[in-house]
Amino acid sequence: MKNEAILKQAIELLKEVNTSELETVEISHTKYDDGSIGFSVDLTYPADEVTETIIKVDGEVVSRSEK
């Protein structure tokens, strides 16, 4: 259930992204030897526009990034 909540939060955050503020967008897809697959999306903002971001799921901090 926790993974589902985190994924829903990530989707909502991505929907709110103002693409004109982004410096770069990177999508990575990795297939591992054991057959598992990794997928990530990285957004980079210019240094002068980055602020602290805290993501909470059910009151628990699951991600934090700071300028």
PDB file of N, CA and C in Angstrom:
ATOM      1  N   MET A   1       0.823  -1.204   0.000  1.00  0.00           N
ATOM      2  CA  MET A   1       0.000   0.000   0.000  1.00  0.00           C
ATOM      3  C   MET A   1       0.859   1.255   0.000  1.00  0.00           C
ATOM      4  N   LYS A   2       1.993   1.211   0.733  1.00  0.00           N
ATOM      5  CA  LYS A   2       2.849   2.381   0.784  1.00  0.00           C
ATOM      6  C   LYS A   2       3.371   2.748  -0.611  1.00  0.00           C
ATOM      7  N   ASN A   3       3.776   1.742  -1.403  1.00  0.00           N
ATOM      8  CA  ASN A   3       4.253   2.020  -2.761  1.00  0.00           C
ATOM      9  C   ASN A   3       3.180   2.696  -3.598  1.00  0.00           C
ATOM     10  N   GLU A   4       1.938   2.260  -3.433  1.00  0.00           N
ATOM     11  CA  GLU A   4       0.834   2.851  -4.189  1.00  0.00           C
ATOM     12  C   GLU A   4       0.663   4.320  -3.819  1.00  0.00           C
ATOM     13  N   ALA A   5       0.746   4.638  -2.542  1.00  0.00           N
ATOM     14  CA  ALA A   5       0.596   6.021  -2.085  1.00  0.00           C
ATOM     15  C   ALA A   5       1.737   6.890  -2.592  1.00  0.00           C
ATOM     16  N   ILE A   6       2.950   6.369  -2.556  1.00  0.00           N
ATOM     17  CA  ILE A   6       4.106   7.128  -3.040  1.00  0.00           C
ATOM     18  C   ILE A   6       3.981   7.376  -4.539  1.00  0.00           C
ATOM     19  N   LEU A   7       3.565   6.361  -5.288  1.00  0.00           N
ATOM     20  CA  LEU A   7       3.401   6.515  -6.731  1.00  0.00           C
ATOM     21  C   LEU A   7       2.325   7.546  -7.056  1.00  0.00           C
ATOM     22  N   LYS A   8       1.207   7.516  -6.340  1.00  0.00           N
ATOM     23  CA  LYS A   8       0.154   8.506  -6.560  1.00  0.00           C
ATOM     24  C   LYS A   8       0.668   9.917  -6.295  1.00  0.00           C
ATOM     25  N   GLN A   9       1.472  10.084  -5.228  1.00  0.00           N
ATOM     26  CA  GLN A   9       2.042  11.390  -4.910  1.00  0.00           C
ATOM     27  C   GLN A   9       2.981  11.849  -6.016  1.00  0.00           C
ATOM     28  N   ALA A  10       3.800  10.932  -6.531  1.00  0.00           N
ATOM     29  CA  ALA A  10       4.727  11.268  -7.607  1.00  0.00           C
ATOM     30  C   ALA A  10       3.981  11.706  -8.864  1.00  0.00           C
ATOM     31  N   ILE A  11       2.912  11.023  -9.188  1.00  0.00           N
ATOM     32  CA  ILE A  11       2.111  11.377 -10.365  1.00  0.00           C
ATOM     33  C   ILE A  11       1.513  12.770 -10.196  1.00  0.00           C
ATOM     34  N   GLU A  12       1.004  13.069  -9.021  1.00  0.00           N
ATOM     35  CA  GLU A  12       0.437  14.401  -8.772  1.00  0.00           C
ATOM     36  C   GLU A  12       1.507  15.482  -8.888  1.00  0.00           C
ATOM     37  N   LEU A  13       2.708  15.216  -8.359  1.00  0.00           N
ATOM     38  CA  LEU A  13       3.794  16.183  -8.470  1.00  0.00           C
ATOM     39  C   LEU A  13       4.187  16.411  -9.934  1.00  0.00           C
ATOM     40  N   LEU A  14       4.242  15.339 -10.713  1.00  0.00           N
ATOM     41  CA  LEU A  14       4.588  15.478 -12.131  1.00  0.00           C
ATOM     42  C   LEU A  14       3.528  16.266 -12.898  1.00  0.00           C
ATOM     43  N   LYS A  15       2.261  16.106 -12.529  1.00  0.00           N
ATOM     44  CA  LYS A  15       1.185  16.853 -13.187  1.00  0.00           C
ATOM     45  C   LYS A  15       1.312  18.350 -12.948  1.00  0.00           C
ATOM     46  N   GLU A  16       1.906  18.726 -11.801  1.00  0.00           N
ATOM     47  CA  GLU A  16       2.019  20.135 -11.434  1.00  0.00           C
ATOM     48  C   GLU A  16       3.296  20.805 -11.932  1.00  0.00           C
ATOM     49  N   VAL A  17       4.178  20.063 -12.590  1.00  0.00           N
ATOM     50  CA  VAL A  17       5.448  20.612 -13.048  1.00  0.00           C
ATOM     51  C   VAL A  17       5.213  21.659 -14.136  1.00  0.00           C
ATOM     52  N   ASN A  18       5.837  22.806 -13.959  1.00  0.00           N
ATOM     53  CA  ASN A  18       5.829  23.851 -14.978  1.00  0.00           C
ATOM     54  C   ASN A  18       7.047  23.600 -15.859  1.00  0.00           C
ATOM     55  N   THR A  19       6.839  23.052 -17.040  1.00  0.00           N
ATOM     56  CA  THR A  19       7.955  22.643 -17.893  1.00  0.00           C
ATOM     57  C   THR A  19       8.831  23.809 -18.338  1.00  0.00           C
ATOM     58  N   SER A  20       8.297  25.007 -18.334  1.00  0.00           N
ATOM     59  CA  SER A  20       9.113  26.154 -18.740  1.00  0.00           C
ATOM     60  C   SER A  20      10.169  26.509 -17.689  1.00  0.00           C
ATOM     61  N   GLU A  21      10.035  25.980 -16.462  1.00  0.00           N
ATOM     62  CA  GLU A  21      11.005  26.233 -15.401  1.00  0.00           C
ATOM     63  C   GLU A  21      12.119  25.195 -15.364  1.00  0.00           C
ATOM     64  N   LEU A  22      11.979  24.109 -16.093  1.00  0.00           N
ATOM     65  CA  LEU A  22      12.940  23.004 -16.027  1.00  0.00           C
ATOM     66  C   LEU A  22      14.194  23.287 -16.836  1.00  0.00           C
ATOM     67  N   GLU A  23      15.304  22.804 -16.303  1.00  0.00           N
ATOM     68  CA  GLU A  23      16.567  22.863 -17.035  1.00  0.00           C
ATOM     69  C   GLU A  23      16.741  21.605 -17.876  1.00  0.00           C
ATOM     70  N   THR A  24      16.515  20.432 -17.246  1.00  0.00           N
ATOM     71  CA  THR A  24      16.612  19.164 -17.975  1.00  0.00           C
ATOM     72  C   THR A  24      15.575  18.170 -17.462  1.00  0.00           C
ATOM     73  N   VAL A  25      15.235  17.219 -18.323  1.00  0.00           N
ATOM     74  CA  VAL A  25      14.371  16.091 -17.961  1.00  0.00           C
ATOM     75  C   VAL A  25      15.084  14.836 -18.445  1.00  0.00           C
ATOM     76  N   GLU A  26      15.195  13.854 -17.559  1.00  0.00           N
ATOM     77  CA  GLU A  26      15.855  12.601 -17.919  1.00  0.00           C
ATOM     78  C   GLU A  26      14.969  11.439 -17.510  1.00  0.00           C
ATOM     79  N   ILE A  27      14.759  10.516 -18.437  1.00  0.00           N
ATOM     80  CA  ILE A  27      13.996   9.306 -18.153  1.00  0.00           C
ATOM     81  C   ILE A  27      14.948   8.132 -18.327  1.00  0.00           C
ATOM     82  N   SER A  28      15.066   7.322 -17.289  1.00  0.00           N
ATOM     83  CA  SER A  28      15.964   6.176 -17.319  1.00  0.00           C
ATOM     84  C   SER A  28      15.154   4.885 -17.190  1.00  0.00           C
ATOM     85  N   HIS A  29      15.545   3.903 -17.978  1.00  0.00           N
ATOM     86  CA  HIS A  29      14.907   2.589 -17.945  1.00  0.00           C
ATOM     87  C   HIS A  29      16.030   1.565 -17.894  1.00  0.00           C
ATOM     88  N   THR A  30      16.036   0.737 -16.867  1.00  0.00           N
ATOM     89  CA  THR A  30      17.106  -0.239 -16.690  1.00  0.00           C
ATOM     90  C   THR A  30      16.524  -1.631 -16.511  1.00  0.00           C
ATOM     91  N   LYS A  31      17.088  -2.593 -17.225  1.00  0.00           N
ATOM     92  CA  LYS A  31      16.700  -3.990 -17.047  1.00  0.00           C
ATOM     93  C   LYS A  31      17.879  -4.705 -16.409  1.00  0.00           C
ATOM     94  N   TYR A  32      17.644  -5.312 -15.248  1.00  0.00           N
ATOM     95  CA  TYR A  32      18.694  -5.969 -14.487  1.00  0.00           C
ATOM     96  C   TYR A  32      18.802  -7.447 -14.845  1.00  0.00           C
ATOM     97  N   ASP A  33      19.958  -8.055 -14.507  1.00  0.00           N
ATOM     98  CA  ASP A  33      20.224  -9.462 -14.835  1.00  0.00           C
ATOM     99  C   ASP A  33      19.186 -10.416 -14.260  1.00  0.00           C
ATOM    100  N   ASP A  34      18.611 -10.064 -13.117  1.00  0.00           N
ATOM    101  CA  ASP A  34      17.621 -10.953 -12.492  1.00  0.00           C
ATOM    102  C   ASP A  34      16.227 -10.806 -13.103  1.00  0.00           C
ATOM    103  N   GLY A  35      16.095  -9.949 -14.118  1.00  0.00           N
ATOM    104  CA  GLY A  35      14.811  -9.759 -14.796  1.00  0.00           C
ATOM    105  C   GLY A  35      14.002  -8.586 -14.283  1.00  0.00           C
ATOM    106  N   SER A  36      14.423  -8.000 -13.172  1.00  0.00           N
ATOM    107  CA  SER A  36      13.691  -6.842 -12.653  1.00  0.00           C
ATOM    108  C   SER A  36      13.981  -5.613 -13.519  1.00  0.00           C
ATOM    109  N   ILE A  37      13.089  -4.652 -13.427  1.00  0.00           N
ATOM    110  CA  ILE A  37      13.184  -3.451 -14.257  1.00  0.00           C
ATOM    111  C   ILE A  37      13.118  -2.224 -13.369  1.00  0.00           C
ATOM    112  N   GLY A  38      13.968  -1.247 -13.643  1.00  0.00           N
ATOM    113  CA  GLY A  38      13.939   0.025 -12.936  1.00  0.00           C
ATOM    114  C   GLY A  38      13.554   1.135 -13.889  1.00  0.00           C
ATOM    115  N   PHE A  39      12.821   2.102 -13.383  1.00  0.00           N
ATOM    116  CA  PHE A  39      12.354   3.222 -14.195  1.00  0.00           C
ATOM    117  C   PHE A  39      12.407   4.469 -13.322  1.00  0.00           C
ATOM    118  N   SER A  40      13.004   5.535 -13.818  1.00  0.00           N
ATOM    119  CA  SER A  40      13.058   6.767 -13.028  1.00  0.00           C
ATOM    120  C   SER A  40      12.922   7.985 -13.925  1.00  0.00           C
ATOM    121  N   VAL A  41      12.416   9.052 -13.332  1.00  0.00           N
ATOM    122  CA  VAL A  41      12.291  10.336 -14.008  1.00  0.00           C
ATOM    123  C   VAL A  41      13.008  11.356 -13.138  1.00  0.00           C
ATOM    124  N   ASP A  42      13.980  12.060 -13.711  1.00  0.00           N
ATOM    125  CA  ASP A  42      14.721  13.091 -12.992  1.00  0.00           C
ATOM    126  C   ASP A  42      14.452  14.436 -13.629  1.00  0.00           C
ATOM    127  N   LEU A  43      14.058  15.393 -12.802  1.00  0.00           N
ATOM    128  CA  LEU A  43      13.831  16.760 -13.249  1.00  0.00           C
ATOM    129  C   LEU A  43      14.884  17.641 -12.595  1.00  0.00           C
ATOM    130  N   THR A  44      15.532  18.483 -13.384  1.00  0.00           N
ATOM    131  CA  THR A  44      16.538  19.395 -12.851  1.00  0.00           C
ATOM    132  C   THR A  44      16.086  20.821 -13.104  1.00  0.00           C
ATOM    133  N   TYR A  45      16.053  21.592 -12.019  1.00  0.00           N
ATOM    134  CA  TYR A  45      15.712  23.006 -12.093  1.00  0.00           C
ATOM    135  C   TYR A  45      16.996  23.820 -12.005  1.00  0.00           C
ATOM    136  N   PRO A  46      17.046  25.002 -12.623  1.00  0.00           N
ATOM    137  CA  PRO A  46      18.221  25.864 -12.463  1.00  0.00           C
ATOM    138  C   PRO A  46      18.438  26.180 -10.985  1.00  0.00           C
ATOM    139  N   ALA A  47      19.691  26.350 -10.577  1.00  0.00           N
ATOM    140  CA  ALA A  47      20.047  26.526  -9.173  1.00  0.00           C
ATOM    141  C   ALA A  47      19.311  27.677  -8.499  1.00  0.00           C
ATOM    142  N   ASP A  48      19.073  28.759  -9.176  1.00  0.00           N
ATOM    143  CA  ASP A  48      18.438  29.902  -8.530  1.00  0.00           C
ATOM    144  C   ASP A  48      16.939  29.735  -8.333  1.00  0.00           C
ATOM    145  N   GLU A  49      16.351  28.671  -8.890  1.00  0.00           N
ATOM    146  CA  GLU A  49      14.911  28.464  -8.750  1.00  0.00           C
ATOM    147  C   GLU A  49      14.565  27.261  -7.874  1.00  0.00           C
ATOM    148  N   VAL A  50      15.555  26.563  -7.372  1.00  0.00           N
ATOM    149  CA  VAL A  50      15.306  25.365  -6.575  1.00  0.00           C
ATOM    150  C   VAL A  50      14.962  25.763  -5.147  1.00  0.00           C
ATOM    151  N   THR A  51      13.958  25.137  -4.608  1.00  0.00           N
ATOM    152  CA  THR A  51      13.576  25.346  -3.218  1.00  0.00           C
ATOM    153  C   THR A  51      13.502  23.995  -2.535  1.00  0.00           C
ATOM    154  N   GLU A  52      13.350  24.006  -1.230  1.00  0.00           N
ATOM    155  CA  GLU A  52      13.247  22.756  -0.494  1.00  0.00           C
ATOM    156  C   GLU A  52      11.930  22.063  -0.848  1.00  0.00           C
ATOM    157  N   THR A  53      12.024  20.778  -1.111  1.00  0.00           N
ATOM    158  CA  THR A  53      10.851  19.975  -1.416  1.00  0.00           C
ATOM    159  C   THR A  53      10.794  18.819  -0.437  1.00  0.00           C
ATOM    160  N   ILE A  54       9.666  18.676   0.235  1.00  0.00           N
ATOM    161  CA  ILE A  54       9.473  17.566   1.162  1.00  0.00           C
ATOM    162  C   ILE A  54       8.216  16.823   0.731  1.00  0.00           C
ATOM    163  N   ILE A  55       8.348  15.516   0.514  1.00  0.00           N
ATOM    164  CA  ILE A  55       7.204  14.697   0.129  1.00  0.00           C
ATOM    165  C   ILE A  55       6.845  13.812   1.307  1.00  0.00           C
ATOM    166  N   LYS A  56       5.573  13.894   1.738  1.00  0.00           N
ATOM    167  CA  LYS A  56       5.105  13.078   2.852  1.00  0.00           C
ATOM    168  C   LYS A  56       3.978  12.177   2.379  1.00  0.00           C
ATOM    169  N   VAL A  57       3.981  10.958   2.870  1.00  0.00           N
ATOM    170  CA  VAL A  57       2.903  10.012   2.619  1.00  0.00           C
ATOM    171  C   VAL A  57       2.423   9.542   3.981  1.00  0.00           C
ATOM    172  N   ASP A  58       1.154   9.744   4.245  1.00  0.00           N
ATOM    173  CA  ASP A  58       0.570   9.389   5.536  1.00  0.00           C
ATOM    174  C   ASP A  58       1.361   9.988   6.692  1.00  0.00           C
ATOM    175  N   GLY A  59       1.818  11.239   6.522  1.00  0.00           N
ATOM    176  CA  GLY A  59       2.537  11.958   7.570  1.00  0.00           C
ATOM    177  C   GLY A  59       3.990  11.603   7.702  1.00  0.00           C
ATOM    178  N   GLU A  60       4.481  10.634   6.928  1.00  0.00           N
ATOM    179  CA  GLU A  60       5.881  10.210   6.994  1.00  0.00           C
ATOM    180  C   GLU A  60       6.651  10.800   5.835  1.00  0.00           C
ATOM    181  N   VAL A  61       7.814  11.417   6.121  1.00  0.00           N
ATOM    182  CA  VAL A  61       8.653  11.989   5.073  1.00  0.00           C
ATOM    183  C   VAL A  61       9.255  10.844   4.267  1.00  0.00           C
ATOM    184  N   VAL A  62       8.989  10.839   2.944  1.00  0.00           N
ATOM    185  CA  VAL A  62       9.526   9.794   2.088  1.00  0.00           C
ATOM    186  C   VAL A  62      10.584  10.327   1.144  1.00  0.00           C
ATOM    187  N   SER A  63      10.661  11.640   0.994  1.00  0.00           N
ATOM    188  CA  SER A  63      11.669  12.246   0.134  1.00  0.00           C
ATOM    189  C   SER A  63      11.882  13.684   0.564  1.00  0.00           C
ATOM    190  N   ARG A  64      13.135  14.115   0.518  1.00  0.00           N
ATOM    191  CA  ARG A  64      13.464  15.500   0.856  1.00  0.00           C
ATOM    192  C   ARG A  64      14.619  15.944  -0.023  1.00  0.00           C
ATOM    193  N   SER A  65      14.464  17.096  -0.643  1.00  0.00           N
ATOM    194  CA  SER A  65      15.559  17.677  -1.405  1.00  0.00           C
ATOM    195  C   SER A  65      15.662  19.144  -1.015  1.00  0.00           C
ATOM    196  N   GLU A  66      16.867  19.631  -0.936  1.00  0.00           N
ATOM    197  CA  GLU A  66      17.106  21.007  -0.536  1.00  0.00           C
ATOM    198  C   GLU A  66      18.002  21.701  -1.526  1.00  0.00           C
ATOM    199  N   LYS A  67      17.908  23.016  -1.564  1.00  0.00           N
ATOM    200  CA  LYS A  67      18.732  23.839  -2.429  1.00  0.00           C
ATOM    201  C   LYS A  67      20.171  23.738  -2.027  1.00  0.00           C
TER     202      LYS A  67
END
